[in-house]
């Protein structure tokens, strides 16, 4: 029905699974 949008790093990134300003 709907999709929540946020920009995060991925599971294997450093730092992992972290909320970031959009575009970063």
PDBML (XML) file of the C-alpha atoms, coordinates in Angstrom:
<?xml version="1.0" encoding="UTF-8" ?>
<PDBx:datablock datablockName="MODEL"
   xmlns:PDBx="http://pdbml.pdb.org/schema/pdbx-v50.xsd"
   xmlns:xsi="http://www.w3.org/2001/XMLSchema-instance"
   xsi:schemaLocation="http://pdbml.pdb.org/schema/pdbx-v50.xsd pdbx-v50.xsd">
   <PDBx:atom_siteCategory>
      <PDBx:atom_site id="1">
         <PDBx:B_iso_or_equiv>0.00</PDBx:B_iso_or_equiv>
         <PDBx:Cartn_x>0.000</PDBx:Cartn_x>
         <PDBx:Cartn_y>0.000</PDBx:Cartn_y>
         <PDBx:Cartn_z>0.000</PDBx:Cartn_z>
         <PDBx:auth_asym_id>A</PDBx:auth_asym_id>
         <PDBx:auth_atom_id>CA</PDBx:auth_atom_id>
         <PDBx:auth_comp_id>UNK</PDBx:auth_comp_id>
         <PDBx:auth_seq_id>1</PDBx:auth_seq_id>
         <PDBx:group_PDB>ATOM</PDBx:group_PDB>
         <PDBx:label_alt_id xsi:nil="true" />
         <PDBx:label_asym_id>A</PDBx:label_asym_id>
         <PDBx:label_atom_id>CA</PDBx:label_atom_id>
         <PDBx:label_comp_id>UNK</PDBx:label_comp_id>
         <PDBx:label_entity_id>1</PDBx:label_entity_id>
         <PDBx:label_seq_id>1</PDBx:label_seq_id>
         <PDBx:occupancy>1.00</PDBx:occupancy>
         <PDBx:pdbx_PDB_model_num>1</PDBx:pdbx_PDB_model_num>
         <PDBx:type_symbol>C</PDBx:type_symbol>
      </PDBx:atom_site>
      <PDBx:atom_site id="2">
         <PDBx:B_iso_or_equiv>0.00</PDBx:B_iso_or_equiv>
         <PDBx:Cartn_x>2.783</PDBx:Cartn_x>
         <PDBx:Cartn_y>2.405</PDBx:Cartn_y>
         <PDBx:Cartn_z>0.900</PDBx:Cartn_z>
         <PDBx:auth_asym_id>A</PDBx:auth_asym_id>
         <PDBx:auth_atom_id>CA</PDBx:auth_atom_id>
         <PDBx:auth_comp_id>UNK</PDBx:auth_comp_id>
         <PDBx:auth_seq_id>2</PDBx:auth_seq_id>
         <PDBx:group_PDB>ATOM</PDBx:group_PDB>
         <PDBx:label_alt_id xsi:nil="true" />
         <PDBx:label_asym_id>A</PDBx:label_asym_id>
         <PDBx:label_atom_id>CA</PDBx:label_atom_id>
         <PDBx:label_comp_id>UNK</PDBx:label_comp_id>
         <PDBx:label_entity_id>1</PDBx:label_entity_id>
         <PDBx:label_seq_id>2</PDBx:label_seq_id>
         <PDBx:occupancy>1.00</PDBx:occupancy>
         <PDBx:pdbx_PDB_model_num>1</PDBx:pdbx_PDB_model_num>
         <PDBx:type_symbol>C</PDBx:type_symbol>
      </PDBx:atom_site>
      <PDBx:atom_site id="3">
         <PDBx:B_iso_or_equiv>0.00</PDBx:B_iso_or_equiv>
         <PDBx:Cartn_x>6.567</PDBx:Cartn_x>
         <PDBx:Cartn_y>2.637</PDBx:Cartn_y>
         <PDBx:Cartn_z>1.170</PDBx:Cartn_z>
         <PDBx:auth_asym_id>A</PDBx:auth_asym_id>
         <PDBx:auth_atom_id>CA</PDBx:auth_atom_id>
         <PDBx:auth_comp_id>UNK</PDBx:auth_comp_id>
         <PDBx:auth_seq_id>3</PDBx:auth_seq_id>
         <PDBx:group_PDB>ATOM</PDBx:group_PDB>
         <PDBx:label_alt_id xsi:nil="true" />
         <PDBx:label_asym_id>A</PDBx:label_asym_id>
         <PDBx:label_atom_id>CA</PDBx:label_atom_id>
         <PDBx:label_comp_id>UNK</PDBx:label_comp_id>
         <PDBx:label_entity_id>1</PDBx:label_entity_id>
         <PDBx:label_seq_id>3</PDBx:label_seq_id>
         <PDBx:occupancy>1.00</PDBx:occupancy>
         <PDBx:pdbx_PDB_model_num>1</PDBx:pdbx_PDB_model_num>
         <PDBx:type_symbol>C</PDBx:type_symbol>
      </PDBx:atom_site>
      <PDBx:atom_site id="4">
         <PDBx:B_iso_or_equiv>0.00</PDBx:B_iso_or_equiv>
         <PDBx:Cartn_x>8.509</PDBx:Cartn_x>
         <PDBx:Cartn_y>4.472</PDBx:Cartn_y>
         <PDBx:Cartn_z>3.855</PDBx:Cartn_z>
         <PDBx:auth_asym_id>A</PDBx:auth_asym_id>
         <PDBx:auth_atom_id>CA</PDBx:auth_atom_id>
         <PDBx:auth_comp_id>UNK</PDBx:auth_comp_id>
         <PDBx:auth_seq_id>4</PDBx:auth_seq_id>
         <PDBx:group_PDB>ATOM</PDBx:group_PDB>
         <PDBx:label_alt_id xsi:nil="true" />
         <PDBx:label_asym_id>A</PDBx:label_asym_id>
         <PDBx:label_atom_id>CA</PDBx:label_atom_id>
         <PDBx:label_comp_id>UNK</PDBx:label_comp_id>
         <PDBx:label_entity_id>1</PDBx:label_entity_id>
         <PDBx:label_seq_id>4</PDBx:label_seq_id>
         <PDBx:occupancy>1.00</PDBx:occupancy>
         <PDBx:pdbx_PDB_model_num>1</PDBx:pdbx_PDB_model_num>
         <PDBx:type_symbol>C</PDBx:type_symbol>
      </PDBx:atom_site>
      <PDBx:atom_site id="5">
         <PDBx:B_iso_or_equiv>0.00</PDBx:B_iso_or_equiv>
         <PDBx:Cartn_x>11.487</PDBx:Cartn_x>
         <PDBx:Cartn_y>6.326</PDBx:Cartn_y>
         <PDBx:Cartn_z>2.433</PDBx:Cartn_z>
         <PDBx:auth_asym_id>A</PDBx:auth_asym_id>
         <PDBx:auth_atom_id>CA</PDBx:auth_atom_id>
         <PDBx:auth_comp_id>UNK</PDBx:auth_comp_id>
         <PDBx:auth_seq_id>5</PDBx:auth_seq_id>
         <PDBx:group_PDB>ATOM</PDBx:group_PDB>
         <PDBx:label_alt_id xsi:nil="true" />
         <PDBx:label_asym_id>A</PDBx:label_asym_id>
         <PDBx:label_atom_id>CA</PDBx:label_atom_id>
         <PDBx:label_comp_id>UNK</PDBx:label_comp_id>
         <PDBx:label_entity_id>1</PDBx:label_entity_id>
         <PDBx:label_seq_id>5</PDBx:label_seq_id>
         <PDBx:occupancy>1.00</PDBx:occupancy>
         <PDBx:pdbx_PDB_model_num>1</PDBx:pdbx_PDB_model_num>
         <PDBx:type_symbol>C</PDBx:type_symbol>
      </PDBx:atom_site>
      <PDBx:atom_site id="6">
         <PDBx:B_iso_or_equiv>0.00</PDBx:B_iso_or_equiv>
         <PDBx:Cartn_x>14.715</PDBx:Cartn_x>
         <PDBx:Cartn_y>6.975</PDBx:Cartn_y>
         <PDBx:Cartn_z>4.315</PDBx:Cartn_z>
         <PDBx:auth_asym_id>A</PDBx:auth_asym_id>
         <PDBx:auth_atom_id>CA</PDBx:auth_atom_id>
         <PDBx:auth_comp_id>UNK</PDBx:auth_comp_id>
         <PDBx:auth_seq_id>6</PDBx:auth_seq_id>
         <PDBx:group_PDB>ATOM</PDBx:group_PDB>
         <PDBx:label_alt_id xsi:nil="true" />
         <PDBx:label_asym_id>A</PDBx:label_asym_id>
         <PDBx:label_atom_id>CA</PDBx:label_atom_id>
         <PDBx:label_comp_id>UNK</PDBx:label_comp_id>
         <PDBx:label_entity_id>1</PDBx:label_entity_id>
         <PDBx:label_seq_id>6</PDBx:label_seq_id>
         <PDBx:occupancy>1.00</PDBx:occupancy>
         <PDBx:pdbx_PDB_model_num>1</PDBx:pdbx_PDB_model_num>
         <PDBx:type_symbol>C</PDBx:type_symbol>
      </PDBx:atom_site>
      <PDBx:atom_site id="7">
         <PDBx:B_iso_or_equiv>0.00</PDBx:B_iso_or_equiv>
         <PDBx:Cartn_x>18.375</PDBx:Cartn_x>
         <PDBx:Cartn_y>6.873</PDBx:Cartn_y>
         <PDBx:Cartn_z>3.341</PDBx:Cartn_z>
         <PDBx:auth_asym_id>A</PDBx:auth_asym_id>
         <PDBx:auth_atom_id>CA</PDBx:auth_atom_id>
         <PDBx:auth_comp_id>UNK</PDBx:auth_comp_id>
         <PDBx:auth_seq_id>7</PDBx:auth_seq_id>
         <PDBx:group_PDB>ATOM</PDBx:group_PDB>
         <PDBx:label_alt_id xsi:nil="true" />
         <PDBx:label_asym_id>A</PDBx:label_asym_id>
         <PDBx:label_atom_id>CA</PDBx:label_atom_id>
         <PDBx:label_comp_id>UNK</PDBx:label_comp_id>
         <PDBx:label_entity_id>1</PDBx:label_entity_id>
         <PDBx:label_seq_id>7</PDBx:label_seq_id>
         <PDBx:occupancy>1.00</PDBx:occupancy>
         <PDBx:pdbx_PDB_model_num>1</PDBx:pdbx_PDB_model_num>
         <PDBx:type_symbol>C</PDBx:type_symbol>
      </PDBx:atom_site>
      <PDBx:atom_site id="8">
         <PDBx:B_iso_or_equiv>0.00</PDBx:B_iso_or_equiv>
         <PDBx:Cartn_x>20.481</PDBx:Cartn_x>
         <PDBx:Cartn_y>4.342</PDBx:Cartn_y>
         <PDBx:Cartn_z>5.229</PDBx:Cartn_z>
         <PDBx:auth_asym_id>A</PDBx:auth_asym_id>
         <PDBx:auth_atom_id>CA</PDBx:auth_atom_id>
         <PDBx:auth_comp_id>UNK</PDBx:auth_comp_id>
         <PDBx:auth_seq_id>8</PDBx:auth_seq_id>
         <PDBx:group_PDB>ATOM</PDBx:group_PDB>
         <PDBx:label_alt_id xsi:nil="true" />
         <PDBx:label_asym_id>A</PDBx:label_asym_id>
         <PDBx:label_atom_id>CA</PDBx:label_atom_id>
         <PDBx:label_comp_id>UNK</PDBx:label_comp_id>
         <PDBx:label_entity_id>1</PDBx:label_entity_id>
         <PDBx:label_seq_id>8</PDBx:label_seq_id>
         <PDBx:occupancy>1.00</PDBx:occupancy>
         <PDBx:pdbx_PDB_model_num>1</PDBx:pdbx_PDB_model_num>
         <PDBx:type_symbol>C</PDBx:type_symbol>
      </PDBx:atom_site>
      <PDBx:atom_site id="9">
         <PDBx:B_iso_or_equiv>0.00</PDBx:B_iso_or_equiv>
         <PDBx:Cartn_x>23.732</PDBx:Cartn_x>
         <PDBx:Cartn_y>2.523</PDBx:Cartn_y>
         <PDBx:Cartn_z>4.865</PDBx:Cartn_z>
         <PDBx:auth_asym_id>A</PDBx:auth_asym_id>
         <PDBx:auth_atom_id>CA</PDBx:auth_atom_id>
         <PDBx:auth_comp_id>UNK</PDBx:auth_comp_id>
         <PDBx:auth_seq_id>9</PDBx:auth_seq_id>
         <PDBx:group_PDB>ATOM</PDBx:group_PDB>
         <PDBx:label_alt_id xsi:nil="true" />
         <PDBx:label_asym_id>A</PDBx:label_asym_id>
         <PDBx:label_atom_id>CA</PDBx:label_atom_id>
         <PDBx:label_comp_id>UNK</PDBx:label_comp_id>
         <PDBx:label_entity_id>1</PDBx:label_entity_id>
         <PDBx:label_seq_id>9</PDBx:label_seq_id>
         <PDBx:occupancy>1.00</PDBx:occupancy>
         <PDBx:pdbx_PDB_model_num>1</PDBx:pdbx_PDB_model_num>
         <PDBx:type_symbol>C</PDBx:type_symbol>
      </PDBx:atom_site>
      <PDBx:atom_site id="10">
         <PDBx:B_iso_or_equiv>0.00</PDBx:B_iso_or_equiv>
         <PDBx:Cartn_x>23.488</PDBx:Cartn_x>
         <PDBx:Cartn_y>-1.185</PDBx:Cartn_y>
         <PDBx:Cartn_z>4.103</PDBx:Cartn_z>
         <PDBx:auth_asym_id>A</PDBx:auth_asym_id>
         <PDBx:auth_atom_id>CA</PDBx:auth_atom_id>
         <PDBx:auth_comp_id>UNK</PDBx:auth_comp_id>
         <PDBx:auth_seq_id>10</PDBx:auth_seq_id>
         <PDBx:group_PDB>ATOM</PDBx:group_PDB>
         <PDBx:label_alt_id xsi:nil="true" />
         <PDBx:label_asym_id>A</PDBx:label_asym_id>
         <PDBx:label_atom_id>CA</PDBx:label_atom_id>
         <PDBx:label_comp_id>UNK</PDBx:label_comp_id>
         <PDBx:label_entity_id>1</PDBx:label_entity_id>
         <PDBx:label_seq_id>10</PDBx:label_seq_id>
         <PDBx:occupancy>1.00</PDBx:occupancy>
         <PDBx:pdbx_PDB_model_num>1</PDBx:pdbx_PDB_model_num>
         <PDBx:type_symbol>C</PDBx:type_symbol>
      </PDBx:atom_site>
      <PDBx:atom_site id="11">
         <PDBx:B_iso_or_equiv>0.00</PDBx:B_iso_or_equiv>
         <PDBx:Cartn_x>24.044</PDBx:Cartn_x>
         <PDBx:Cartn_y>-4.255</PDBx:Cartn_y>
         <PDBx:Cartn_z>6.216</PDBx:Cartn_z>
         <PDBx:auth_asym_id>A</PDBx:auth_asym_id>
         <PDBx:auth_atom_id>CA</PDBx:auth_atom_id>
         <PDBx:auth_comp_id>UNK</PDBx:auth_comp_id>
         <PDBx:auth_seq_id>11</PDBx:auth_seq_id>
         <PDBx:group_PDB>ATOM</PDBx:group_PDB>
         <PDBx:label_alt_id xsi:nil="true" />
         <PDBx:label_asym_id>A</PDBx:label_asym_id>
         <PDBx:label_atom_id>CA</PDBx:label_atom_id>
         <PDBx:label_comp_id>UNK</PDBx:label_comp_id>
         <PDBx:label_entity_id>1</PDBx:label_entity_id>
         <PDBx:label_seq_id>11</PDBx:label_seq_id>
         <PDBx:occupancy>1.00</PDBx:occupancy>
         <PDBx:pdbx_PDB_model_num>1</PDBx:pdbx_PDB_model_num>
         <PDBx:type_symbol>C</PDBx:type_symbol>
      </PDBx:atom_site>
      <PDBx:atom_site id="12">
         <PDBx:B_iso_or_equiv>0.00</PDBx:B_iso_or_equiv>
         <PDBx:Cartn_x>27.737</PDBx:Cartn_x>
         <PDBx:Cartn_y>-4.601</PDBx:Cartn_y>
         <PDBx:Cartn_z>5.380</PDBx:Cartn_z>
         <PDBx:auth_asym_id>A</PDBx:auth_asym_id>
         <PDBx:auth_atom_id>CA</PDBx:auth_atom_id>
         <PDBx:auth_comp_id>UNK</PDBx:auth_comp_id>
         <PDBx:auth_seq_id>12</PDBx:auth_seq_id>
         <PDBx:group_PDB>ATOM</PDBx:group_PDB>
         <PDBx:label_alt_id xsi:nil="true" />
         <PDBx:label_asym_id>A</PDBx:label_asym_id>
         <PDBx:label_atom_id>CA</PDBx:label_atom_id>
         <PDBx:label_comp_id>UNK</PDBx:label_comp_id>
         <PDBx:label_entity_id>1</PDBx:label_entity_id>
         <PDBx:label_seq_id>12</PDBx:label_seq_id>
         <PDBx:occupancy>1.00</PDBx:occupancy>
         <PDBx:pdbx_PDB_model_num>1</PDBx:pdbx_PDB_model_num>
         <PDBx:type_symbol>C</PDBx:type_symbol>
      </PDBx:atom_site>
      <PDBx:atom_site id="13">
         <PDBx:B_iso_or_equiv>0.00</PDBx:B_iso_or_equiv>
         <PDBx:Cartn_x>28.650</PDBx:Cartn_x>
         <PDBx:Cartn_y>-0.921</PDBx:Cartn_y>
         <PDBx:Cartn_z>5.202</PDBx:Cartn_z>
         <PDBx:auth_asym_id>A</PDBx:auth_asym_id>
         <PDBx:auth_atom_id>CA</PDBx:auth_atom_id>
         <PDBx:auth_comp_id>UNK</PDBx:auth_comp_id>
         <PDBx:auth_seq_id>13</PDBx:auth_seq_id>
         <PDBx:group_PDB>ATOM</PDBx:group_PDB>
         <PDBx:label_alt_id xsi:nil="true" />
         <PDBx:label_asym_id>A</PDBx:label_asym_id>
         <PDBx:label_atom_id>CA</PDBx:label_atom_id>
         <PDBx:label_comp_id>UNK</PDBx:label_comp_id>
         <PDBx:label_entity_id>1</PDBx:label_entity_id>
         <PDBx:label_seq_id>13</PDBx:label_seq_id>
         <PDBx:occupancy>1.00</PDBx:occupancy>
         <PDBx:pdbx_PDB_model_num>1</PDBx:pdbx_PDB_model_num>
         <PDBx:type_symbol>C</PDBx:type_symbol>
      </PDBx:atom_site>
      <PDBx:atom_site id="14">
         <PDBx:B_iso_or_equiv>0.00</PDBx:B_iso_or_equiv>
         <PDBx:Cartn_x>30.790</PDBx:Cartn_x>
         <PDBx:Cartn_y>0.928</PDBx:Cartn_y>
         <PDBx:Cartn_z>7.740</PDBx:Cartn_z>
         <PDBx:auth_asym_id>A</PDBx:auth_asym_id>
         <PDBx:auth_atom_id>CA</PDBx:auth_atom_id>
         <PDBx:auth_comp_id>UNK</PDBx:auth_comp_id>
         <PDBx:auth_seq_id>14</PDBx:auth_seq_id>
         <PDBx:group_PDB>ATOM</PDBx:group_PDB>
         <PDBx:label_alt_id xsi:nil="true" />
         <PDBx:label_asym_id>A</PDBx:label_asym_id>
         <PDBx:label_atom_id>CA</PDBx:label_atom_id>
         <PDBx:label_comp_id>UNK</PDBx:label_comp_id>
         <PDBx:label_entity_id>1</PDBx:label_entity_id>
         <PDBx:label_seq_id>14</PDBx:label_seq_id>
         <PDBx:occupancy>1.00</PDBx:occupancy>
         <PDBx:pdbx_PDB_model_num>1</PDBx:pdbx_PDB_model_num>
         <PDBx:type_symbol>C</PDBx:type_symbol>
      </PDBx:atom_site>
      <PDBx:atom_site id="15">
         <PDBx:B_iso_or_equiv>0.00</PDBx:B_iso_or_equiv>
         <PDBx:Cartn_x>28.946</PDBx:Cartn_x>
         <PDBx:Cartn_y>2.181</PDBx:Cartn_y>
         <PDBx:Cartn_z>9.677</PDBx:Cartn_z>
         <PDBx:auth_asym_id>A</PDBx:auth_asym_id>
         <PDBx:auth_atom_id>CA</PDBx:auth_atom_id>
         <PDBx:auth_comp_id>UNK</PDBx:auth_comp_id>
         <PDBx:auth_seq_id>15</PDBx:auth_seq_id>
         <PDBx:group_PDB>ATOM</PDBx:group_PDB>
         <PDBx:label_alt_id xsi:nil="true" />
         <PDBx:label_asym_id>A</PDBx:label_asym_id>
         <PDBx:label_atom_id>CA</PDBx:label_atom_id>
         <PDBx:label_comp_id>UNK</PDBx:label_comp_id>
         <PDBx:label_entity_id>1</PDBx:label_entity_id>
         <PDBx:label_seq_id>15</PDBx:label_seq_id>
         <PDBx:occupancy>1.00</PDBx:occupancy>
         <PDBx:pdbx_PDB_model_num>1</PDBx:pdbx_PDB_model_num>
         <PDBx:type_symbol>C</PDBx:type_symbol>
      </PDBx:atom_site>
      <PDBx:atom_site id="16">
         <PDBx:B_iso_or_equiv>0.00</PDBx:B_iso_or_equiv>
         <PDBx:Cartn_x>26.257</PDBx:Cartn_x>
         <PDBx:Cartn_y>-0.425</PDBx:Cartn_y>
         <PDBx:Cartn_z>8.963</PDBx:Cartn_z>
         <PDBx:auth_asym_id>A</PDBx:auth_asym_id>
         <PDBx:auth_atom_id>CA</PDBx:auth_atom_id>
         <PDBx:auth_comp_id>UNK</PDBx:auth_comp_id>
         <PDBx:auth_seq_id>16</PDBx:auth_seq_id>
         <PDBx:group_PDB>ATOM</PDBx:group_PDB>
         <PDBx:label_alt_id xsi:nil="true" />
         <PDBx:label_asym_id>A</PDBx:label_asym_id>
         <PDBx:label_atom_id>CA</PDBx:label_atom_id>
         <PDBx:label_comp_id>UNK</PDBx:label_comp_id>
         <PDBx:label_entity_id>1</PDBx:label_entity_id>
         <PDBx:label_seq_id>16</PDBx:label_seq_id>
         <PDBx:occupancy>1.00</PDBx:occupancy>
         <PDBx:pdbx_PDB_model_num>1</PDBx:pdbx_PDB_model_num>
         <PDBx:type_symbol>C</PDBx:type_symbol>
      </PDBx:atom_site>
      <PDBx:atom_site id="17">
         <PDBx:B_iso_or_equiv>0.00</PDBx:B_iso_or_equiv>
         <PDBx:Cartn_x>22.486</PDBx:Cartn_x>
         <PDBx:Cartn_y>0.137</PDBx:Cartn_y>
         <PDBx:Cartn_z>8.978</PDBx:Cartn_z>
         <PDBx:auth_asym_id>A</PDBx:auth_asym_id>
         <PDBx:auth_atom_id>CA</PDBx:auth_atom_id>
         <PDBx:auth_comp_id>UNK</PDBx:auth_comp_id>
         <PDBx:auth_seq_id>17</PDBx:auth_seq_id>
         <PDBx:group_PDB>ATOM</PDBx:group_PDB>
         <PDBx:label_alt_id xsi:nil="true" />
         <PDBx:label_asym_id>A</PDBx:label_asym_id>
         <PDBx:label_atom_id>CA</PDBx:label_atom_id>
         <PDBx:label_comp_id>UNK</PDBx:label_comp_id>
         <PDBx:label_entity_id>1</PDBx:label_entity_id>
         <PDBx:label_seq_id>17</PDBx:label_seq_id>
         <PDBx:occupancy>1.00</PDBx:occupancy>
         <PDBx:pdbx_PDB_model_num>1</PDBx:pdbx_PDB_model_num>
         <PDBx:type_symbol>C</PDBx:type_symbol>
      </PDBx:atom_site>
      <PDBx:atom_site id="18">
         <PDBx:B_iso_or_equiv>0.00</PDBx:B_iso_or_equiv>
         <PDBx:Cartn_x>22.754</PDBx:Cartn_x>
         <PDBx:Cartn_y>3.820</PDBx:Cartn_y>
         <PDBx:Cartn_z>9.850</PDBx:Cartn_z>
         <PDBx:auth_asym_id>A</PDBx:auth_asym_id>
         <PDBx:auth_atom_id>CA</PDBx:auth_atom_id>
         <PDBx:auth_comp_id>UNK</PDBx:auth_comp_id>
         <PDBx:auth_seq_id>18</PDBx:auth_seq_id>
         <PDBx:group_PDB>ATOM</PDBx:group_PDB>
         <PDBx:label_alt_id xsi:nil="true" />
         <PDBx:label_asym_id>A</PDBx:label_asym_id>
         <PDBx:label_atom_id>CA</PDBx:label_atom_id>
         <PDBx:label_comp_id>UNK</PDBx:label_comp_id>
         <PDBx:label_entity_id>1</PDBx:label_entity_id>
         <PDBx:label_seq_id>18</PDBx:label_seq_id>
         <PDBx:occupancy>1.00</PDBx:occupancy>
         <PDBx:pdbx_PDB_model_num>1</PDBx:pdbx_PDB_model_num>
         <PDBx:type_symbol>C</PDBx:type_symbol>
      </PDBx:atom_site>
      <PDBx:atom_site id="19">
         <PDBx:B_iso_or_equiv>0.00</PDBx:B_iso_or_equiv>
         <PDBx:Cartn_x>20.321</PDBx:Cartn_x>
         <PDBx:Cartn_y>6.630</PDBx:Cartn_y>
         <PDBx:Cartn_z>9.052</PDBx:Cartn_z>
         <PDBx:auth_asym_id>A</PDBx:auth_asym_id>
         <PDBx:auth_atom_id>CA</PDBx:auth_atom_id>
         <PDBx:auth_comp_id>UNK</PDBx:auth_comp_id>
         <PDBx:auth_seq_id>19</PDBx:auth_seq_id>
         <PDBx:group_PDB>ATOM</PDBx:group_PDB>
         <PDBx:label_alt_id xsi:nil="true" />
         <PDBx:label_asym_id>A</PDBx:label_asym_id>
         <PDBx:label_atom_id>CA</PDBx:label_atom_id>
         <PDBx:label_comp_id>UNK</PDBx:label_comp_id>
         <PDBx:label_entity_id>1</PDBx:label_entity_id>
         <PDBx:label_seq_id>19</PDBx:label_seq_id>
         <PDBx:occupancy>1.00</PDBx:occupancy>
         <PDBx:pdbx_PDB_model_num>1</PDBx:pdbx_PDB_model_num>
         <PDBx:type_symbol>C</PDBx:type_symbol>
      </PDBx:atom_site>
      <PDBx:atom_site id="20">
         <PDBx:B_iso_or_equiv>0.00</PDBx:B_iso_or_equiv>
         <PDBx:Cartn_x>21.930</PDBx:Cartn_x>
         <PDBx:Cartn_y>9.315</PDBx:Cartn_y>
         <PDBx:Cartn_z>6.911</PDBx:Cartn_z>
         <PDBx:auth_asym_id>A</PDBx:auth_asym_id>
         <PDBx:auth_atom_id>CA</PDBx:auth_atom_id>
         <PDBx:auth_comp_id>UNK</PDBx:auth_comp_id>
         <PDBx:auth_seq_id>20</PDBx:auth_seq_id>
         <PDBx:group_PDB>ATOM</PDBx:group_PDB>
         <PDBx:label_alt_id xsi:nil="true" />
         <PDBx:label_asym_id>A</PDBx:label_asym_id>
         <PDBx:label_atom_id>CA</PDBx:label_atom_id>
         <PDBx:label_comp_id>UNK</PDBx:label_comp_id>
         <PDBx:label_entity_id>1</PDBx:label_entity_id>
         <PDBx:label_seq_id>20</PDBx:label_seq_id>
         <PDBx:occupancy>1.00</PDBx:occupancy>
         <PDBx:pdbx_PDB_model_num>1</PDBx:pdbx_PDB_model_num>
         <PDBx:type_symbol>C</PDBx:type_symbol>
      </PDBx:atom_site>
      <PDBx:atom_site id="21">
         <PDBx:B_iso_or_equiv>0.00</PDBx:B_iso_or_equiv>
         <PDBx:Cartn_x>20.886</PDBx:Cartn_x>
         <PDBx:Cartn_y>12.658</PDBx:Cartn_y>
         <PDBx:Cartn_z>5.389</PDBx:Cartn_z>
         <PDBx:auth_asym_id>A</PDBx:auth_asym_id>
         <PDBx:auth_atom_id>CA</PDBx:auth_atom_id>
         <PDBx:auth_comp_id>UNK</PDBx:auth_comp_id>
         <PDBx:auth_seq_id>21</PDBx:auth_seq_id>
         <PDBx:group_PDB>ATOM</PDBx:group_PDB>
         <PDBx:label_alt_id xsi:nil="true" />
         <PDBx:label_asym_id>A</PDBx:label_asym_id>
         <PDBx:label_atom_id>CA</PDBx:label_atom_id>
         <PDBx:label_comp_id>UNK</PDBx:label_comp_id>
         <PDBx:label_entity_id>1</PDBx:label_entity_id>
         <PDBx:label_seq_id>21</PDBx:label_seq_id>
         <PDBx:occupancy>1.00</PDBx:occupancy>
         <PDBx:pdbx_PDB_model_num>1</PDBx:pdbx_PDB_model_num>
         <PDBx:type_symbol>C</PDBx:type_symbol>
      </PDBx:atom_site>
      <PDBx:atom_site id="22">
         <PDBx:B_iso_or_equiv>0.00</PDBx:B_iso_or_equiv>
         <PDBx:Cartn_x>19.357</PDBx:Cartn_x>
         <PDBx:Cartn_y>11.892</PDBx:Cartn_y>
         <PDBx:Cartn_z>2.009</PDBx:Cartn_z>
         <PDBx:auth_asym_id>A</PDBx:auth_asym_id>
         <PDBx:auth_atom_id>CA</PDBx:auth_atom_id>
         <PDBx:auth_comp_id>UNK</PDBx:auth_comp_id>
         <PDBx:auth_seq_id>22</PDBx:auth_seq_id>
         <PDBx:group_PDB>ATOM</PDBx:group_PDB>
         <PDBx:label_alt_id xsi:nil="true" />
         <PDBx:label_asym_id>A</PDBx:label_asym_id>
         <PDBx:label_atom_id>CA</PDBx:label_atom_id>
         <PDBx:label_comp_id>UNK</PDBx:label_comp_id>
         <PDBx:label_entity_id>1</PDBx:label_entity_id>
         <PDBx:label_seq_id>22</PDBx:label_seq_id>
         <PDBx:occupancy>1.00</PDBx:occupancy>
         <PDBx:pdbx_PDB_model_num>1</PDBx:pdbx_PDB_model_num>
         <PDBx:type_symbol>C</PDBx:type_symbol>
      </PDBx:atom_site>
      <PDBx:atom_site id="23">
         <PDBx:B_iso_or_equiv>0.00</PDBx:B_iso_or_equiv>
         <PDBx:Cartn_x>21.993</PDBx:Cartn_x>
         <PDBx:Cartn_y>11.549</PDBx:Cartn_y>
         <PDBx:Cartn_z>-0.658</PDBx:Cartn_z>
         <PDBx:auth_asym_id>A</PDBx:auth_asym_id>
         <PDBx:auth_atom_id>CA</PDBx:auth_atom_id>
         <PDBx:auth_comp_id>UNK</PDBx:auth_comp_id>
         <PDBx:auth_seq_id>23</PDBx:auth_seq_id>
         <PDBx:group_PDB>ATOM</PDBx:group_PDB>
         <PDBx:label_alt_id xsi:nil="true" />
         <PDBx:label_asym_id>A</PDBx:label_asym_id>
         <PDBx:label_atom_id>CA</PDBx:label_atom_id>
         <PDBx:label_comp_id>UNK</PDBx:label_comp_id>
         <PDBx:label_entity_id>1</PDBx:label_entity_id>
         <PDBx:label_seq_id>23</PDBx:label_seq_id>
         <PDBx:occupancy>1.00</PDBx:occupancy>
         <PDBx:pdbx_PDB_model_num>1</PDBx:pdbx_PDB_model_num>
         <PDBx:type_symbol>C</PDBx:type_symbol>
      </PDBx:atom_site>
      <PDBx:atom_site id="24">
         <PDBx:B_iso_or_equiv>0.00</PDBx:B_iso_or_equiv>
         <PDBx:Cartn_x>24.681</PDBx:Cartn_x>
         <PDBx:Cartn_y>10.459</PDBx:Cartn_y>
         <PDBx:Cartn_z>1.814</PDBx:Cartn_z>
         <PDBx:auth_asym_id>A</PDBx:auth_asym_id>
         <PDBx:auth_atom_id>CA</PDBx:auth_atom_id>
         <PDBx:auth_comp_id>UNK</PDBx:auth_comp_id>
         <PDBx:auth_seq_id>24</PDBx:auth_seq_id>
         <PDBx:group_PDB>ATOM</PDBx:group_PDB>
         <PDBx:label_alt_id xsi:nil="true" />
         <PDBx:label_asym_id>A</PDBx:label_asym_id>
         <PDBx:label_atom_id>CA</PDBx:label_atom_id>
         <PDBx:label_comp_id>UNK</PDBx:label_comp_id>
         <PDBx:label_entity_id>1</PDBx:label_entity_id>
         <PDBx:label_seq_id>24</PDBx:label_seq_id>
         <PDBx:occupancy>1.00</PDBx:occupancy>
         <PDBx:pdbx_PDB_model_num>1</PDBx:pdbx_PDB_model_num>
         <PDBx:type_symbol>C</PDBx:type_symbol>
      </PDBx:atom_site>
   </PDBx:atom_siteCategory>
</PDBx:datablock>
